[in-house]
N, C-alpha and C. Protein backbone atom coordinates (compact mmCIF):
# COMPACT_ATOMS: atom_id res chain seq x y z
N MET A 1 1.67 -0.89 -0.13
CA MET A 1 -0.06 0.21 -0.21
C MET A 1 0.77 1.42 0.32
N ALA A 2 0.91 2.36 -0.13
CA ALA A 2 1.50 3.66 -0.53
C ALA A 2 0.75 4.10 0.48
N GLN A 3 2.93 4.75 0.65
CA GLN A 3 2.99 5.19 1.76
C GLN A 3 2.42 6.31 2.28
N ASN A 4 2.82 6.63 1.57
CA ASN A 4 2.60 8.92 0.69
C ASN A 4 1.37 8.73 -0.57
N TYR A 5 0.93 9.78 -0.19
CA TYR A 5 -0.49 9.88 -1.66
C TYR A 5 0.35 10.73 -2.94
N LYS A 6 0.96 10.55 -2.63
CA LYS A 6 1.96 11.04 -4.18
C LYS A 6 2.92 9.66 -5.03
N ASP A 7 3.09 8.77 -4.46
CA ASP A 7 2.29 6.89 -4.75
C ASP A 7 1.31 6.30 -5.00
N LEU A 8 0.04 7.25 -4.61
CA LEU A 8 -1.10 6.81 -5.39
C LEU A 8 -1.13 6.60 -6.48
N ILE A 9 -1.53 5.93 -7.66
CA ILE A 9 -1.76 5.98 -9.29
C ILE A 9 -2.93 7.13 -9.89
N ALA A 10 -3.61 6.99 -8.74
CA ALA A 10 -4.89 7.82 -9.18
C ALA A 10 -4.37 9.33 -8.92
N TRP A 11 -3.83 9.52 -7.85
CA TRP A 11 -3.27 10.82 -7.51
C TRP A 11 -2.17 10.86 -8.78
N GLN A 12 -1.68 10.39 -9.07
CA GLN A 12 -0.56 10.88 -10.56
C GLN A 12 -1.13 10.87 -11.19
N LYS A 13 -2.01 10.71 -11.60
CA LYS A 13 -3.24 10.90 -12.73
C LYS A 13 -3.91 11.87 -12.82
N ALA A 14 -4.47 12.50 -12.19
CA ALA A 14 -5.09 13.25 -11.56
C ALA A 14 -3.85 14.98 -12.44
N MET A 15 -3.26 14.26 -10.99
CA MET A 15 -2.25 16.17 -11.52
C MET A 15 -1.95 16.19 -13.03
N GLN A 16 -2.23 14.34 -13.22
CA GLN A 16 -1.65 15.02 -14.90
C GLN A 16 -2.56 15.81 -15.64
N LEU A 17 -3.78 15.66 -15.11
CA LEU A 17 -4.45 16.39 -15.92
C LEU A 17 -4.80 17.81 -15.96
N VAL A 18 -4.62 18.16 -14.08
CA VAL A 18 -4.13 20.13 -13.71
C VAL A 18 -3.80 20.45 -15.30
N ASN A 19 -2.47 20.63 -15.45
CA ASN A 19 -2.35 20.99 -16.45
C ASN A 19 -2.71 21.38 -17.54
N PRO A 20 -2.67 20.37 -18.39
CA PRO A 20 -3.41 20.84 -19.67
C PRO A 20 -4.96 21.72 -19.62
N VAL A 21 -5.94 21.05 -18.89
CA VAL A 21 -6.62 21.81 -18.68
C VAL A 21 -6.42 23.22 -17.94
N CYS A 22 -5.60 23.94 -17.87
CA CYS A 22 -5.01 24.83 -16.86
C CYS A 22 -4.58 25.21 -17.90
N GLU A 23 -3.94 24.55 -18.91
CA GLU A 23 -2.84 25.33 -19.88
C GLU A 23 -4.62 25.62 -20.93
N ALA A 24 -5.17 24.60 -21.14
CA ALA A 24 -6.60 24.51 -22.45
C ALA A 24 -7.35 25.99 -22.27
N THR A 25 -7.35 25.90 -20.60
CA THR A 25 -8.16 27.25 -20.32
C THR A 25 -8.40 28.17 -20.95
N SER A 26 -7.02 28.48 -20.23
CA SER A 26 -5.91 29.33 -20.17
C SER A 26 -5.73 29.85 -22.02
N THR A 27 -6.68 29.68 -22.81
CA THR A 27 -7.54 30.21 -24.09
C THR A 27 -8.30 30.50 -24.53
N PHE A 28 -9.33 30.51 -23.27
CA PHE A 28 -10.27 30.72 -23.65
C PHE A 28 -10.78 32.31 -23.40
N PRO A 29 -11.41 33.12 -24.22
CA PRO A 29 -12.22 34.55 -23.45
C PRO A 29 -11.83 34.69 -22.31
N LYS A 30 -11.74 36.65 -22.44
CA LYS A 30 -10.98 37.15 -21.07
C LYS A 30 -12.72 36.92 -20.28
N ALA A 31 -14.52 37.20 -21.15
CA ALA A 31 -15.21 37.64 -20.71
C ALA A 31 -15.78 35.84 -19.60
N GLU A 32 -14.73 35.49 -20.15
CA GLU A 32 -15.21 33.21 -19.49
C GLU A 32 -14.29 33.28 -18.29
N THR A 33 -12.98 34.33 -17.53
CA THR A 33 -11.95 33.90 -16.57
C THR A 33 -12.77 33.60 -15.34
N TYR A 34 -14.25 34.52 -15.33
CA TYR A 34 -14.92 34.31 -14.32
C TYR A 34 -16.20 33.25 -13.66
N SER A 35 -16.48 32.92 -15.24
CA SER A 35 -16.97 31.70 -14.77
C SER A 35 -17.31 29.89 -15.59
N VAL A 36 -16.74 30.14 -16.70
CA VAL A 36 -16.15 28.26 -16.70
C VAL A 36 -15.36 28.47 -16.84
N THR A 37 -14.42 29.06 -17.29
CA THR A 37 -12.48 29.10 -17.07
C THR A 37 -12.86 28.69 -15.36
N ASP A 38 -12.52 29.51 -14.30
CA ASP A 38 -12.68 29.33 -13.03
C ASP A 38 -13.44 28.01 -12.50
N GLN A 39 -14.32 27.30 -13.15
CA GLN A 39 -15.17 25.98 -12.52
C GLN A 39 -14.48 25.12 -13.44
N ILE A 40 -13.93 25.10 -14.10
CA ILE A 40 -13.49 23.91 -14.86
C ILE A 40 -12.42 24.14 -14.10
N ARG A 41 -11.37 25.26 -14.17
CA ARG A 41 -9.87 24.94 -12.72
C ARG A 41 -10.04 24.64 -11.71
N ARG A 42 -10.75 24.68 -11.37
CA ARG A 42 -11.36 24.80 -10.00
C ARG A 42 -12.15 23.40 -9.40
N ALA A 43 -12.41 22.59 -10.10
CA ALA A 43 -12.71 21.35 -10.58
C ALA A 43 -11.70 20.50 -10.53
N ALA A 44 -11.09 20.27 -11.81
CA ALA A 44 -9.30 19.84 -12.11
C ALA A 44 -8.39 19.85 -10.97
N VAL A 45 -8.17 20.90 -10.22
CA VAL A 45 -7.71 21.28 -9.14
C VAL A 45 -8.40 20.26 -7.63
N SER A 46 -9.31 20.35 -6.99
CA SER A 46 -9.70 20.02 -6.83
C SER A 46 -9.60 18.37 -6.54
N ILE A 47 -9.35 17.13 -7.45
CA ILE A 47 -9.30 15.82 -7.89
C ILE A 47 -8.54 15.75 -7.12
N PRO A 48 -6.92 15.69 -7.99
CA PRO A 48 -6.11 15.28 -6.28
C PRO A 48 -5.53 15.91 -5.38
N SER A 49 -6.48 17.09 -4.90
CA SER A 49 -6.67 17.54 -4.18
C SER A 49 -6.57 16.90 -2.68
N ASN A 50 -8.07 17.03 -3.22
CA ASN A 50 -8.67 15.07 -2.30
C ASN A 50 -8.87 13.88 -2.65
N ILE A 51 -8.03 13.59 -2.82
CA ILE A 51 -7.58 12.32 -3.38
C ILE A 51 -6.58 12.61 -2.07
N GLY A 52 -5.27 13.38 -2.03
CA GLY A 52 -4.45 13.82 -0.99
C GLY A 52 -4.95 13.95 0.04
N ALA A 53 -5.79 14.43 0.10
CA ALA A 53 -6.16 15.04 1.50
C ALA A 53 -6.98 13.81 2.40
N GLY A 54 -7.45 12.98 1.50
CA GLY A 54 -7.99 11.54 1.38
C GLY A 54 -7.05 10.72 2.85
N LYS A 55 -6.24 10.16 1.55
CA LYS A 55 -4.76 10.07 2.35
C LYS A 55 -4.16 9.74 3.91
N THR A 56 -4.47 10.51 3.84
CA THR A 56 -3.46 11.28 4.74
C THR A 56 -5.32 11.75 6.05
N HIS A 57 -6.02 11.53 6.34
CA HIS A 57 -6.98 11.57 7.11
C HIS A 57 -6.78 10.58 7.64
N TYR A 58 -6.83 10.01 9.15
CA TYR A 58 -6.50 8.69 10.21
C TYR A 58 -8.00 7.87 9.75
N SER A 59 -8.82 8.63 9.31
CA SER A 59 -9.88 7.66 9.52
C SER A 59 -11.02 6.97 7.91
N LYS A 60 -10.53 6.08 8.29
CA LYS A 60 -11.53 5.60 6.78
C LYS A 60 -12.80 6.74 6.51
N ARG A 61 -13.40 6.63 7.36
CA ARG A 61 -15.12 7.38 6.50
C ARG A 61 -14.70 9.30 6.40
N GLU A 62 -13.44 9.24 7.08
CA GLU A 62 -13.24 11.23 6.28
C GLU A 62 -12.50 10.32 4.92
N CYS A 63 -12.03 9.49 4.10
CA CYS A 63 -10.70 8.91 3.55
C CYS A 63 -12.08 9.08 2.22
N ILE A 64 -13.21 7.98 2.76
CA ILE A 64 -14.61 7.98 2.17
C ILE A 64 -15.36 9.45 1.46
N ASP A 65 -15.56 9.99 2.25
CA ASP A 65 -16.47 11.44 2.05
C ASP A 65 -14.80 12.37 1.15
N LEU A 66 -13.71 12.20 1.22
CA LEU A 66 -13.49 13.23 0.80
C LEU A 66 -12.73 12.14 -0.74
N LEU A 67 -13.51 10.87 -0.63
CA LEU A 67 -13.02 10.58 -2.77
C LEU A 67 -14.77 10.82 -3.13
N ARG A 68 -15.48 10.78 -2.54
CA ARG A 68 -16.73 11.04 -3.13
C ARG A 68 -16.20 12.38 -3.13
N HIS A 69 -16.21 13.35 -2.69
CA HIS A 69 -16.03 14.88 -2.76
C HIS A 69 -14.99 14.90 -4.14
N CYS A 70 -14.09 13.62 -4.70
CA CYS A 70 -13.74 13.36 -5.76
C CYS A 70 -13.83 13.20 -6.62
N ARG A 71 -15.27 12.52 -6.88
CA ARG A 71 -15.64 11.57 -7.59
C ARG A 71 -16.67 12.33 -7.57
N ALA A 72 -17.50 13.48 -7.03
CA ALA A 72 -18.32 14.41 -7.42
C ALA A 72 -17.68 14.95 -7.85
N SER A 73 -15.90 16.06 -8.10
CA SER A 73 -15.46 17.23 -8.88
C SER A 73 -15.29 16.77 -10.26
N LEU A 74 -14.88 15.44 -10.46
CA LEU A 74 -14.83 14.57 -11.70
C LEU A 74 -15.55 15.63 -12.34
N THR A 75 -16.84 14.81 -12.20
CA THR A 75 -18.11 14.62 -12.49
C THR A 75 -18.49 16.20 -13.04
N GLU A 76 -18.34 16.58 -11.98
CA GLU A 76 -18.58 18.16 -12.54
C GLU A 76 -17.81 18.82 -13.26
N LEU A 77 -16.34 17.95 -13.46
CA LEU A 77 -15.24 18.98 -15.15
C LEU A 77 -15.68 18.00 -16.23
N GLU A 78 -15.68 17.10 -15.45
CA GLU A 78 -17.55 15.82 -16.71
C GLU A 78 -17.55 16.87 -17.77
N THR A 79 -18.99 16.94 -16.85
CA THR A 79 -20.49 17.95 -17.11
C THR A 79 -19.35 19.46 -17.42
N LYS A 80 -19.36 19.65 -17.33
CA LYS A 80 -19.25 21.12 -18.19
C LYS A 80 -17.96 20.93 -19.13
N CYS A 81 -17.12 20.38 -19.35
CA CYS A 81 -16.25 19.46 -20.81
C CYS A 81 -17.76 19.49 -21.60
N SER A 82 -18.30 19.32 -20.99
CA SER A 82 -19.22 18.06 -22.48
C SER A 82 -20.32 19.23 -22.46
N SER A 83 -20.35 19.64 -22.02
CA SER A 83 -21.83 21.13 -22.15
C SER A 83 -20.69 21.81 -22.83
N LEU A 84 -19.47 21.74 -23.56
CA LEU A 84 -19.18 22.83 -24.30
C LEU A 84 -19.15 22.32 -25.43
N ASN A 85 -18.15 20.62 -25.32
CA ASN A 85 -18.74 20.23 -26.67
C ASN A 85 -18.85 20.19 -27.68
N ASP A 86 -20.08 21.19 -27.41
CA ASP A 86 -20.12 21.02 -29.52
C ASP A 86 -19.87 22.64 -29.87
N GLY A 87 -19.17 23.46 -28.95
CA GLY A 87 -18.49 24.61 -28.77
C GLY A 87 -16.93 24.37 -29.24
N ALA A 88 -16.31 25.97 -29.73
CA ALA A 88 -14.77 25.86 -30.15
C ALA A 88 -14.60 26.48 -28.61
N LEU A 89 -14.91 26.30 -27.45
CA LEU A 89 -14.23 26.18 -26.28
C LEU A 89 -14.03 24.52 -25.89
N GLY A 90 -14.80 24.07 -25.93
CA GLY A 90 -14.72 23.00 -25.85
C GLY A 90 -14.06 21.92 -26.75
N ALA A 91 -14.02 22.64 -28.25
CA ALA A 91 -13.19 21.81 -28.93
C ALA A 91 -11.72 22.30 -29.13
N LYS A 92 -11.32 23.03 -28.05
CA LYS A 92 -10.22 23.83 -27.89
C LYS A 92 -9.14 22.52 -26.79
N LEU A 93 -10.41 22.58 -25.30
CA LEU A 93 -10.23 22.00 -24.31
C LEU A 93 -9.25 20.59 -24.67
N ARG A 94 -10.61 19.92 -26.03
CA ARG A 94 -10.72 18.26 -26.10
C ARG A 94 -8.51 18.64 -26.47
N LEU A 95 -8.50 19.17 -27.39
CA LEU A 95 -7.30 18.79 -28.10
C LEU A 95 -6.37 19.02 -27.62
N LEU A 96 -5.95 20.03 -26.66
CA LEU A 96 -4.57 20.51 -25.59
C LEU A 96 -4.68 19.01 -24.93
N ILE A 97 -5.91 18.49 -24.09
CA ILE A 97 -6.03 17.45 -23.65
C ILE A 97 -5.32 15.96 -24.20
N SER A 98 -5.72 15.44 -25.12
CA SER A 98 -5.51 14.78 -25.82
C SER A 98 -3.96 14.58 -26.39
N ARG A 99 -3.50 16.15 -26.71
CA ARG A 99 -1.99 16.26 -26.98
C ARG A 99 -0.65 16.34 -25.91
N ASN A 100 -1.70 16.53 -25.22
CA ASN A 100 -0.68 15.96 -24.04
C ASN A 100 -0.82 14.91 -22.84
N LYS A 101 -1.91 13.68 -23.32
CA LYS A 101 -1.90 12.74 -23.07
C LYS A 101 -0.93 12.04 -24.22
N ARG A 102 -1.18 12.34 -25.30
CA ARG A 102 0.01 11.37 -25.91
C ARG A 102 1.57 12.12 -26.33
N LYS A 103 1.82 12.95 -25.11
CA LYS A 103 3.13 13.48 -24.47
C LYS A 103 3.25 12.38 -23.85
N LYS A 104 2.67 11.73 -22.84
CA LYS A 104 3.12 11.06 -21.39
C LYS A 104 3.73 9.46 -21.89
């Protein structure tokens, strides 16, 4: 079992998602900065944050609660990206994320 949250594969994969999401949303129009851009970034950062926090908590119940928050953030991120699916912002986000996946 992993001794540190950074050893968790789920945390590592979640961290690999953060940079391409932030990179993609940095190209969004300034008018979107405090709406969808901020919401997408917060959801993406929340995923590894909750995984890490869950690993460092002492009780199993606290860990499970934080992993549920993680799943909720992942669903939020997926929903926001899906809502952009037909537009140029969604295409830009998907393109940058897929490019980042190929680099790894």
